[in-house]
Amino acid sequence: MPKYETIIKGGTVATAVDTFEADVAIQGGRIAALGLDLGGAERTIDATGMLVLPGGIDAHCHIEQESSTKIMTADDFYSGSVSAAFGGNTTFVPFAAQHRGQSLRDVVNIAHERAGPKSVIDYAFHLIISDPTENVLGQELPALIMEGYSSFKVYMTYEMLKIDDHQMLDVLSLARRYGAMTMVHAENNDVINWLSERLLTRGYVEPKYHAVSHNPIAESEASRRAIDLARLADAKLLIVHVSAPEAANAILNARNQGLPIYGETCPQYLFLTAEDLDRDGMEGAKFCCSPPPRDKAGQEAIWLGLTNGTFQVFSSDHAPYRYDETGKFNAGRNPTFKKIANGVPGIETRMPLLFSEGVGKGRLSLNQFVALTATNAAKIYGLHPRKGTIAVGSDADIAIWDPTWKRTITQSMLHDNMDYTPYEGMEITGWPRTVLSQGRIVVENETLQVARGSGSFLERQPADPGVELGDDAPLNPSRTFGADLM
């Protein structure tokens, strides 16, 4: 009788810290053994010449989510999870988004109703808090944290989502008390509005002026302010989708001071520029997202941040709005830049882009790639060691990568519900051939192998205050004078 259910044989295993030759034995959905000559199995997967990596964790994506302007993203939990899986992901963490007047509990229930019957990979939820009422902060949020919803996002921009500094301090101090992680979209709303008003009154309405209105100073000022608020509250903070060099520097400076500040960036800030928003006609609308892509120098600064300890997480910020009246042109076929739906797709291409241009071109080590796309997110968001690594006892969430597989990205090859990709025509080397989630084969031979709704919801524990991410982990934070007031 075979000893194991599955053995992945002949591959090179890589984690965030090690690379080694080993077979991987799977039993009961978990990794049961690592080594050579492990014995027999009901199924053997030949990984000769392949890389055996932890399945990706996309910790920032907008799936079946309604915007504050009532526009629904194009991907539901089926198409979004399928697309994620074909890109090497075995877990994703979309948002349960509160709009003003909504109960957080109702928001979570809606998210479960949407995800449970559809997702083909494992999932958790970040909360979005736009209405931190006394009931939310005093009852709903503490209860939800204890139930496994240990991270939440707040906004410093968007009229219908932003909270003020007083409210942000309330959220940060609560997060500190319960060991939760606060994520922030850091852009100065007044700066953006001030610039937008002047552009619009002068007739500058095309998509390219979206990038002009979201000046890097709006991002850097808000990032520094958010860090200072977190210092006052003695709280952990993760600044999401960082695009600007000055904002990146603010994060690195905070980390060098030993503060528990974390940074995230995304593919659009490595592979797109503001020039993409200046394409003919309304083509530039395809590239409108916030913050917007910057210039070539900005791209290089973000690449540097992936290697020098600025960024711990590389996420897609997949925000799929189609190039039609259901998405980008919800306000009409020729909207001003202020009326174009913000967001770009990228859940399936996130990992292949970084592998090809990062590992393949010597910008990143294979271990850095694993850390940025899987391990660090698992640690920061309370999923490690169950997720994000290849170790005995961890879930058998594995992506078997062919490092020589050359592909040209086209929308027709992707599995989301979009009608364009911002990376159309890019040549990529390296893509996963086989993807396993809890030991079950999800993708094989470019074919989906599982049924809708077969993914599992993941309850998460608040991360330890001193969560370690490797050599670039922050020191224990110095307490601030305000900490004892929280």
Protein backbone atom coordinates (compact mmCIF):
# COMPACT_ATOMS: atom_id res chain seq x y z
CA MET A 1 0.00 0.00 0.00
CA PRO A 2 1.44 3.43 -0.94
CA LYS A 3 2.81 5.41 1.98
CA TYR A 4 1.59 8.82 0.79
CA GLU A 5 -1.20 10.25 -1.31
CA THR A 6 1.13 12.33 -3.49
CA ILE A 7 4.86 12.79 -3.96
CA ILE A 8 6.33 15.66 -5.98
CA LYS A 9 9.57 14.20 -7.19
CA GLY A 10 12.79 15.53 -8.68
CA GLY A 11 12.26 19.28 -8.23
CA THR A 12 14.21 22.09 -6.60
CA VAL A 13 12.41 23.32 -3.49
CA ALA A 14 12.72 26.97 -2.53
CA THR A 15 11.44 28.79 0.53
CA ALA A 16 12.08 32.34 1.72
CA VAL A 17 15.37 31.23 3.27
CA ASP A 18 16.54 27.99 1.61
CA THR A 19 16.89 26.32 -1.78
CA PHE A 20 17.48 22.56 -1.88
CA GLU A 21 16.87 19.39 -3.86
CA ALA A 22 14.10 17.34 -2.29
CA ASP A 23 10.96 15.38 -2.93
CA VAL A 24 7.77 16.55 -1.23
CA ALA A 25 5.34 14.03 0.24
CA ILE A 26 1.71 15.00 0.82
CA GLN A 27 -0.81 13.33 3.08
CA GLY A 28 -4.18 14.62 4.28
CA GLY A 29 -3.74 17.97 2.57
CA ARG A 30 -0.49 18.74 4.35
CA ILE A 31 3.21 18.32 3.71
CA ALA A 32 4.16 15.07 5.41
CA ALA A 33 7.84 14.73 4.54
CA LEU A 34 10.71 16.37 2.70
CA GLY A 35 13.71 14.38 1.50
CA LEU A 36 14.87 11.79 -0.98
CA ASP A 37 13.65 8.22 -1.45
CA LEU A 38 10.48 8.88 0.50
CA GLY A 39 8.75 5.71 -0.66
CA GLY A 40 5.64 5.13 -2.72
CA ALA A 41 2.58 7.28 -3.34
CA GLU A 42 -0.79 6.94 -4.99
CA ARG A 43 0.28 9.69 -7.37
CA THR A 44 3.73 10.90 -8.34
CA ILE A 45 4.25 14.29 -9.97
CA ASP A 46 7.48 14.55 -11.94
CA ALA A 47 9.02 17.95 -11.22
CA THR A 48 12.37 17.32 -12.88
CA GLY A 49 13.83 20.63 -14.01
CA MET A 50 11.09 22.51 -12.14
CA LEU A 51 11.00 24.78 -9.11
CA VAL A 52 8.76 23.67 -6.26
CA LEU A 53 7.61 26.86 -4.54
CA PRO A 54 5.02 27.81 -1.92
CA GLY A 55 1.74 28.79 -3.52
CA GLY A 56 1.39 32.52 -3.87
CA ILE A 57 -0.65 34.62 -1.45
CA ASP A 58 -2.19 37.67 -3.08
CA ALA A 59 -2.89 39.80 -0.04
CA HIS A 60 -4.48 42.76 -1.83
CA CYS A 61 -7.20 42.23 -4.44
CA HIS A 62 -10.71 43.49 -5.04
CA ILE A 63 -13.03 40.60 -5.84
CA GLU A 64 -16.81 40.92 -6.28
CA GLN A 65 -16.56 44.25 -4.48
CA GLU A 66 -18.75 47.29 -4.99
CA SER A 67 -16.94 50.62 -5.09
CA SER A 68 -18.08 53.71 -3.20
CA THR A 69 -19.55 54.90 -6.52
CA LYS A 70 -21.59 51.66 -6.83
CA ILE A 71 -19.49 50.05 -9.56
CA MET A 72 -19.02 46.30 -9.14
CA THR A 73 -15.67 44.77 -10.06
CA ALA A 74 -15.76 42.49 -13.09
CA ASP A 75 -14.45 39.39 -11.28
CA ASP A 76 -16.59 37.41 -8.88
CA PHE A 77 -15.07 34.86 -6.52
CA TYR A 78 -15.12 32.18 -9.19
CA SER A 79 -13.40 33.98 -12.05
CA GLY A 80 -11.11 35.84 -9.65
CA SER A 81 -9.97 32.71 -7.84
CA VAL A 82 -9.53 30.74 -11.06
CA SER A 83 -7.39 33.53 -12.52
CA ALA A 84 -5.37 33.68 -9.30
CA ALA A 85 -4.75 29.93 -9.39
CA PHE A 86 -3.51 29.95 -12.99
CA GLY A 87 -0.97 32.56 -11.90
CA GLY A 88 0.42 30.34 -9.13
CA ASN A 89 -1.68 31.56 -6.19
CA THR A 90 -3.23 29.19 -3.66
CA THR A 91 -4.59 31.82 -1.25
CA PHE A 92 -5.98 35.31 -1.69
CA VAL A 93 -7.24 37.94 0.71
CA PRO A 94 -9.88 40.21 -0.86
CA PHE A 95 -11.79 42.91 1.00
CA ALA A 96 -15.07 42.93 2.84
CA ALA A 97 -15.75 46.61 2.25
CA GLN A 98 -17.85 48.72 4.58
CA HIS A 99 -19.59 51.73 3.08
CA ARG A 100 -20.94 54.45 5.30
CA GLY A 101 -23.98 53.41 7.27
CA GLN A 102 -23.24 49.70 6.92
CA SER A 103 -22.69 47.26 9.75
CA LEU A 104 -19.32 45.51 9.62
CA ARG A 105 -21.06 42.27 10.52
CA ASP A 106 -23.39 42.62 7.55
CA VAL A 107 -20.42 43.34 5.29
CA VAL A 108 -18.67 40.15 6.41
CA ASN A 109 -21.81 38.08 5.93
CA ILE A 110 -22.20 39.40 2.37
CA ALA A 111 -18.56 38.56 1.60
CA HIS A 112 -19.07 34.97 2.79
CA GLU A 113 -22.22 34.59 0.73
CA ARG A 114 -20.28 35.64 -2.35
CA ALA A 115 -17.09 33.68 -1.73
CA GLY A 116 -18.18 30.38 -0.22
CA PRO A 117 -20.04 28.92 -3.22
CA LYS A 118 -17.48 30.12 -5.77
CA SER A 119 -13.82 30.29 -4.71
CA VAL A 120 -11.58 27.48 -5.96
CA ILE A 121 -8.66 28.47 -3.69
CA ASP A 122 -8.43 29.31 0.00
CA TYR A 123 -9.37 32.80 1.08
CA ALA A 124 -9.56 35.21 3.98
CA PHE A 125 -10.91 38.75 4.21
CA HIS A 126 -9.46 42.10 5.10
CA LEU A 127 -12.08 44.55 6.34
CA ILE A 128 -12.40 48.06 4.91
CA ILE A 129 -13.46 50.57 7.56
CA SER A 130 -15.00 53.76 6.24
CA ASP A 131 -17.45 54.44 9.07
CA PRO A 132 -15.73 53.89 12.45
CA THR A 133 -18.74 54.58 14.62
CA GLU A 134 -18.87 53.96 18.35
CA ASN A 135 -20.63 50.65 17.70
CA VAL A 136 -18.06 49.57 15.10
CA LEU A 137 -15.07 50.38 17.30
CA GLY A 138 -16.63 49.33 20.57
CA GLN A 139 -18.33 46.09 19.56
CA GLU A 140 -18.19 44.90 15.96
CA LEU A 141 -14.51 45.30 15.16
CA PRO A 142 -13.12 43.79 18.40
CA ALA A 143 -15.46 40.81 18.00
CA LEU A 144 -14.48 40.28 14.37
CA ILE A 145 -10.77 40.46 15.17
CA MET A 146 -11.23 37.70 17.72
CA GLU A 147 -13.11 35.66 15.11
CA GLY A 148 -10.17 35.72 12.71
CA TYR A 149 -10.54 38.96 10.72
CA SER A 150 -7.26 40.38 11.96
CA SER A 151 -6.50 43.04 9.36
CA PHE A 152 -8.32 46.04 8.02
CA LYS A 153 -7.78 48.87 5.58
CA VAL A 154 -8.49 52.56 5.95
CA TYR A 155 -8.35 55.34 3.37
CA MET A 156 -6.88 58.83 3.53
CA THR A 157 -8.50 59.72 0.20
CA TYR A 158 -11.77 59.15 -1.74
CA GLU A 159 -14.61 61.27 -0.41
CA MET A 160 -16.90 58.36 0.50
CA LEU A 161 -14.20 56.21 2.11
CA LYS A 162 -11.65 58.46 3.80
CA ILE A 163 -11.43 58.87 7.53
CA ASP A 164 -9.80 61.77 9.34
CA ASP A 165 -6.71 61.65 11.55
CA HIS A 166 -8.76 61.46 14.77
CA GLN A 167 -10.64 58.44 13.46
CA MET A 168 -7.42 56.89 12.21
CA LEU A 169 -5.91 57.16 15.69
CA ASP A 170 -8.99 55.45 17.08
CA VAL A 171 -8.54 52.59 14.60
CA LEU A 172 -4.78 52.29 15.18
CA SER A 173 -5.12 52.24 18.95
CA LEU A 174 -7.79 49.55 18.74
CA ALA A 175 -5.59 47.52 16.39
CA ARG A 176 -2.69 47.82 18.83
CA ARG A 177 -4.88 46.66 21.72
CA TYR A 178 -6.00 43.52 19.86
CA GLY A 179 -2.83 42.75 17.88
CA ALA A 180 -4.42 43.46 14.50
CA MET A 181 -2.82 44.99 11.40
CA THR A 182 -3.97 48.30 9.95
CA MET A 183 -3.42 48.86 6.23
CA VAL A 184 -3.66 52.34 4.76
CA HIS A 185 -4.18 53.88 1.35
CA ALA A 186 -1.95 56.89 1.88
CA GLU A 187 -2.74 59.84 -0.37
CA ASN A 188 -3.62 63.38 0.72
CA ASN A 189 -7.20 63.92 -0.41
CA ASP A 190 -7.04 67.73 -0.26
CA VAL A 191 -3.90 67.86 -2.40
CA ILE A 192 -5.56 65.67 -5.04
CA ASN A 193 -8.75 67.73 -5.03
CA TRP A 194 -6.86 71.04 -5.14
CA LEU A 195 -4.89 69.93 -8.20
CA SER A 196 -7.94 68.33 -9.84
CA GLU A 197 -10.00 71.50 -9.55
CA ARG A 198 -7.31 73.56 -11.26
CA LEU A 199 -6.83 71.03 -14.04
CA LEU A 200 -10.56 70.64 -14.76
CA THR A 201 -11.29 74.39 -14.79
CA ARG A 202 -8.54 74.81 -17.39
CA GLY A 203 -9.92 72.06 -19.61
CA TYR A 204 -7.30 69.43 -18.80
CA VAL A 205 -9.62 66.44 -18.63
CA GLU A 206 -7.88 63.55 -20.45
CA PRO A 207 -6.80 60.35 -18.64
CA LYS A 208 -3.17 61.47 -18.43
CA TYR A 209 -4.17 64.22 -15.99
CA HIS A 210 -5.19 61.59 -13.48
CA ALA A 211 -1.46 61.06 -12.88
CA VAL A 212 -0.88 64.82 -12.69
CA SER A 213 -3.59 65.26 -10.06
CA HIS A 214 -2.18 62.45 -7.93
CA ASN A 215 1.16 64.19 -7.47
CA PRO A 216 3.80 62.13 -5.64
CA ILE A 217 3.71 64.72 -2.85
CA ALA A 218 0.12 63.68 -2.07
CA GLU A 219 1.42 60.15 -1.48
CA SER A 220 4.60 61.03 0.38
CA GLU A 221 2.91 63.52 2.73
CA ALA A 222 0.14 61.09 3.60
CA SER A 223 2.63 58.24 4.08
CA ARG A 224 4.71 60.29 6.51
CA ARG A 225 1.60 61.41 8.37
CA ALA A 226 0.28 57.85 8.60
CA ILE A 227 3.63 56.68 9.98
CA ASP A 228 3.59 59.46 12.60
CA LEU A 229 0.04 58.54 13.63
CA ALA A 230 1.12 54.92 14.00
CA ARG A 231 4.10 56.08 16.09
CA LEU A 232 1.77 57.99 18.38
CA ALA A 233 -0.48 54.97 18.78
CA ASP A 234 2.51 52.60 19.05
CA ALA A 235 0.77 50.47 16.41
CA LYS A 236 1.77 48.35 13.45
CA LEU A 237 0.97 49.80 10.03
CA LEU A 238 1.26 48.57 6.47
CA ILE A 239 1.20 51.15 3.67
CA VAL A 240 -0.31 49.59 0.57
CA HIS A 241 0.40 50.02 -3.17
CA VAL A 242 3.38 52.36 -2.79
CA SER A 243 4.38 54.03 -6.06
CA ALA A 244 6.50 57.08 -5.21
CA PRO A 245 10.18 57.14 -4.22
CA GLU A 246 9.62 59.63 -1.38
CA ALA A 247 6.89 57.47 0.13
CA ALA A 248 9.18 54.44 -0.13
CA ASN A 249 11.94 56.40 1.62
CA ALA A 250 9.56 57.29 4.45
CA ILE A 251 8.82 53.60 5.02
CA LEU A 252 12.49 52.63 4.93
CA ASN A 253 13.41 55.41 7.35
CA ALA A 254 10.72 54.26 9.76
CA ARG A 255 11.89 50.67 9.56
CA ASN A 256 15.48 51.74 10.11
CA GLN A 257 14.30 53.38 13.34
CA GLY A 258 12.90 50.04 14.47
CA LEU A 259 9.25 50.94 13.95
CA PRO A 260 6.75 48.20 12.99
CA ILE A 261 5.99 49.81 9.62
CA TYR A 262 5.59 47.62 6.55
CA GLY A 263 5.36 48.40 2.85
CA GLU A 264 3.60 46.87 -0.13
CA THR A 265 4.00 47.56 -3.83
CA CYS A 266 2.43 46.16 -6.99
CA PRO A 267 3.24 45.23 -10.61
CA GLN A 268 1.86 48.47 -12.07
CA TYR A 269 4.65 50.43 -10.37
CA LEU A 270 7.34 48.22 -11.90
CA PHE A 271 5.98 47.74 -15.42
CA LEU A 272 3.78 50.76 -16.23
CA THR A 273 4.52 54.49 -16.31
CA ALA A 274 2.51 57.70 -16.41
CA GLU A 275 3.13 57.73 -20.18
CA ASP A 276 0.71 54.80 -20.50
CA LEU A 277 -2.09 57.13 -19.40
CA ASP A 278 -1.28 59.34 -22.40
CA ARG A 279 -2.13 56.77 -25.07
CA ASP A 280 -4.39 57.71 -27.99
CA GLY A 281 -8.00 58.59 -27.33
CA MET A 282 -9.34 57.02 -24.16
CA GLU A 283 -6.83 54.14 -24.15
CA GLY A 284 -5.12 55.79 -21.23
CA ALA A 285 -8.18 54.99 -19.09
CA LYS A 286 -7.01 51.39 -19.00
CA PHE A 287 -4.06 52.46 -16.85
CA CYS A 288 -5.83 54.77 -14.40
CA CYS A 289 -5.31 53.57 -10.85
CA SER A 290 -4.51 55.24 -7.55
CA PRO A 291 -1.76 55.96 -6.87
CA PRO A 292 -0.92 56.15 -10.58
CA PRO A 293 2.19 54.72 -12.23
CA ARG A 294 5.13 57.14 -12.08
CA ASP A 295 8.16 57.60 -14.36
CA LYS A 296 11.14 55.37 -15.17
CA ALA A 297 13.13 56.72 -12.24
CA GLY A 298 10.20 55.88 -10.00
CA GLN A 299 10.18 52.32 -11.32
CA GLU A 300 13.86 51.91 -10.43
CA ALA A 301 13.22 53.22 -6.92
CA ILE A 302 10.46 50.67 -6.43
CA TRP A 303 12.68 47.85 -7.69
CA LEU A 304 15.32 48.96 -5.18
CA GLY A 305 12.69 48.91 -2.44
CA LEU A 306 12.05 45.23 -3.13
CA THR A 307 15.64 44.41 -2.23
CA ASN A 308 16.58 46.87 0.52
CA GLY A 309 13.90 46.10 3.10
CA THR A 310 11.39 48.80 2.16
CA PHE A 311 8.74 46.39 0.85
CA GLN A 312 7.79 43.13 2.46
CA VAL A 313 4.76 42.34 0.29
CA PHE A 314 4.20 42.31 -3.46
CA SER A 315 0.47 42.22 -4.24
CA SER A 316 -1.60 42.70 -7.37
CA ASP A 317 -4.15 45.27 -6.13
CA HIS A 318 -6.31 43.54 -8.75
CA ALA A 319 -9.15 45.99 -9.34
CA PRO A 320 -10.87 44.73 -12.49
CA TYR A 321 -13.00 47.36 -14.20
CA ARG A 322 -13.76 46.50 -17.81
CA TYR A 323 -13.12 48.91 -20.66
CA ASP A 324 -16.84 49.52 -21.13
CA GLU A 325 -19.85 51.12 -19.47
CA THR A 326 -19.84 48.56 -16.63
CA GLY A 327 -16.37 49.69 -15.57
CA LYS A 328 -14.06 52.40 -16.79
CA PHE A 329 -16.84 54.26 -18.63
CA ASN A 330 -19.58 53.96 -16.04
CA ALA A 331 -19.90 57.77 -16.20
CA GLY A 332 -20.00 57.87 -20.03
CA ARG A 333 -17.75 57.13 -22.99
CA ASN A 334 -15.69 60.31 -22.64
CA PRO A 335 -15.43 60.97 -18.91
CA THR A 336 -13.04 63.41 -17.32
CA PHE A 337 -10.12 61.82 -15.52
CA LYS A 338 -12.03 62.28 -12.23
CA LYS A 339 -14.88 60.06 -13.46
CA ILE A 340 -12.83 57.10 -14.76
CA ALA A 341 -13.11 54.00 -12.55
CA ASN A 342 -9.81 53.55 -10.74
CA GLY A 343 -7.99 50.25 -10.92
CA VAL A 344 -6.09 47.81 -13.10
CA PRO A 345 -6.29 44.00 -13.32
CA GLY A 346 -3.31 41.76 -12.61
CA ILE A 347 -4.05 38.86 -10.27
CA GLU A 348 -2.90 36.19 -12.75
CA THR A 349 0.19 38.02 -14.00
CA ARG A 350 1.51 39.23 -10.61
CA MET A 351 3.88 36.36 -9.90
CA PRO A 352 5.00 35.58 -13.47
CA LEU A 353 5.91 39.23 -14.07
CA LEU A 354 8.01 39.41 -10.93
CA PHE A 355 9.60 36.03 -11.57
CA SER A 356 10.53 36.83 -15.15
CA GLU A 357 11.79 40.36 -14.65
CA GLY A 358 13.03 39.95 -11.08
CA VAL A 359 14.49 36.46 -10.69
CA GLY A 360 15.07 35.89 -14.40
CA LYS A 361 17.03 39.12 -14.84
CA GLY A 362 18.98 38.94 -11.60
CA ARG A 363 17.19 41.72 -9.72
CA LEU A 364 15.87 39.33 -7.06
CA SER A 365 16.98 36.00 -5.66
CA LEU A 366 14.57 33.09 -5.81
CA ASN A 367 14.25 33.25 -2.03
CA GLN A 368 13.38 36.96 -2.14
CA PHE A 369 10.72 36.16 -4.73
CA VAL A 370 9.15 33.56 -2.42
CA ALA A 371 9.25 35.94 0.53
CA LEU A 372 7.65 38.81 -1.39
CA THR A 373 4.91 36.77 -3.05
CA ALA A 374 3.98 34.33 -0.29
CA THR A 375 5.89 34.01 2.99
CA ASN A 376 5.87 37.59 4.24
CA ALA A 377 2.16 38.03 3.59
CA ALA A 378 1.48 34.81 5.50
CA LYS A 379 3.49 36.09 8.46
CA ILE A 380 2.11 39.63 8.47
CA TYR A 381 -1.52 38.56 8.11
CA GLY A 382 -1.56 35.63 10.54
CA LEU A 383 -1.46 32.68 8.13
CA HIS A 384 2.06 31.37 8.80
CA PRO A 385 3.22 28.60 9.13
CA ARG A 386 0.07 27.01 7.76
CA LYS A 387 0.56 28.99 4.56
CA GLY A 388 3.46 30.61 2.75
CA THR A 389 6.17 27.99 3.13
CA ILE A 390 7.13 24.42 2.30
CA ALA A 391 7.65 22.68 5.62
CA VAL A 392 6.44 19.53 7.30
CA GLY A 393 3.02 20.23 8.77
CA SER A 394 2.22 23.19 6.50
CA ASP A 395 -0.65 23.01 4.05
CA ALA A 396 0.39 21.44 0.76
CA ASP A 397 -0.06 24.71 -1.15
CA ILE A 398 2.49 24.38 -3.91
CA ALA A 399 3.18 25.91 -7.31
CA ILE A 400 5.45 23.91 -9.58
CA TRP A 401 7.19 26.46 -11.79
CA ASP A 402 8.76 25.90 -15.18
CA PRO A 403 11.53 28.53 -15.15
CA THR A 404 12.06 28.20 -18.91
CA TRP A 405 8.46 28.47 -20.10
CA LYS A 406 8.28 31.46 -22.45
CA ARG A 407 4.89 33.10 -22.90
CA THR A 408 3.59 36.34 -24.38
CA ILE A 409 0.88 37.88 -22.23
CA THR A 410 -2.41 38.41 -24.04
CA GLN A 411 -5.88 38.93 -22.63
CA SER A 412 -7.08 35.80 -24.43
CA MET A 413 -4.75 33.55 -22.41
CA LEU A 414 -5.89 34.88 -19.02
CA HIS A 415 -8.78 33.58 -16.94
CA ASP A 416 -10.25 36.71 -15.36
CA ASN A 417 -13.45 38.37 -16.53
CA MET A 418 -11.67 41.35 -18.06
CA ASP A 419 -11.56 42.59 -21.64
CA TYR A 420 -7.97 43.88 -21.47
CA THR A 421 -4.68 43.43 -19.63
CA PRO A 422 -2.30 46.36 -19.09
CA TYR A 423 0.58 43.98 -19.81
CA GLU A 424 -0.56 42.98 -23.31
CA GLY A 425 2.36 41.79 -25.45
CA MET A 426 4.94 41.46 -22.66
CA GLU A 427 7.21 38.44 -23.11
CA ILE A 428 7.59 36.42 -19.92
CA THR A 429 9.92 33.56 -19.00
CA GLY A 430 8.72 31.38 -16.14
CA TRP A 431 5.18 30.33 -15.25
CA PRO A 432 3.63 27.65 -13.01
CA ARG A 433 2.74 24.38 -14.72
CA THR A 434 0.94 22.71 -11.80
CA VAL A 435 -0.73 24.27 -8.76
CA LEU A 436 -1.84 22.38 -5.65
CA SER A 437 -4.01 23.71 -2.81
CA GLN A 438 -4.14 21.62 0.37
CA GLY A 439 -2.78 18.74 -1.66
CA ARG A 440 -5.47 18.76 -4.33
CA ILE A 441 -4.44 19.61 -7.87
CA VAL A 442 -6.12 22.86 -8.89
CA VAL A 443 -4.32 23.55 -12.19
CA GLU A 444 -2.59 20.98 -14.38
CA ASN A 445 -1.90 20.88 -18.12
CA GLU A 446 -3.31 24.42 -18.42
CA THR A 447 -6.68 23.11 -17.21
CA LEU A 448 -8.70 23.76 -14.07
CA GLN A 449 -9.10 20.53 -12.10
CA VAL A 450 -11.42 21.52 -9.23
CA ALA A 451 -15.02 22.59 -8.76
CA ARG A 452 -16.28 26.03 -7.83
CA GLY A 453 -16.65 26.52 -4.10
CA SER A 454 -13.92 24.02 -3.22
CA GLY A 455 -11.69 26.61 -1.52
CA SER A 456 -11.71 27.07 2.26
CA PHE A 457 -12.18 30.14 4.43
CA LEU A 458 -9.17 30.85 6.65
CA GLU A 459 -9.57 32.23 10.13
CA ARG A 460 -6.45 34.14 11.10
CA GLN A 461 -4.80 34.89 14.40
CA PRO A 462 -3.46 38.38 15.10
CA ALA A 463 0.26 38.37 14.36
CA ASP A 464 2.78 38.57 17.19
CA PRO A 465 3.99 42.15 17.79
CA GLY A 466 7.55 41.17 16.86
CA VAL A 467 6.70 39.18 13.75
CA GLU A 468 9.97 38.33 12.05
CA LEU A 469 10.32 38.44 8.30
CA GLY A 470 13.99 37.62 7.97
CA ASP A 471 17.16 39.65 8.08
CA ASP A 472 15.33 42.90 7.33
CA ALA A 473 12.80 42.51 10.15
CA PRO A 474 12.29 45.57 12.33
CA LEU A 475 13.50 45.79 15.88
CA ASN A 476 10.97 45.93 18.67
CA PRO A 477 9.46 49.40 18.46
CA SER A 478 10.36 52.05 21.01
CA ARG A 479 7.31 53.03 23.00
CA THR A 480 5.95 56.50 22.43
CA PHE A 481 4.62 58.91 25.00
CA GLY A 482 1.08 58.26 23.77
CA ALA A 483 1.17 54.48 24.08
CA ASP A 484 -0.14 54.35 27.64
CA LEU A 485 -3.17 56.45 26.67
CA MET A 486 -4.57 53.89 24.25
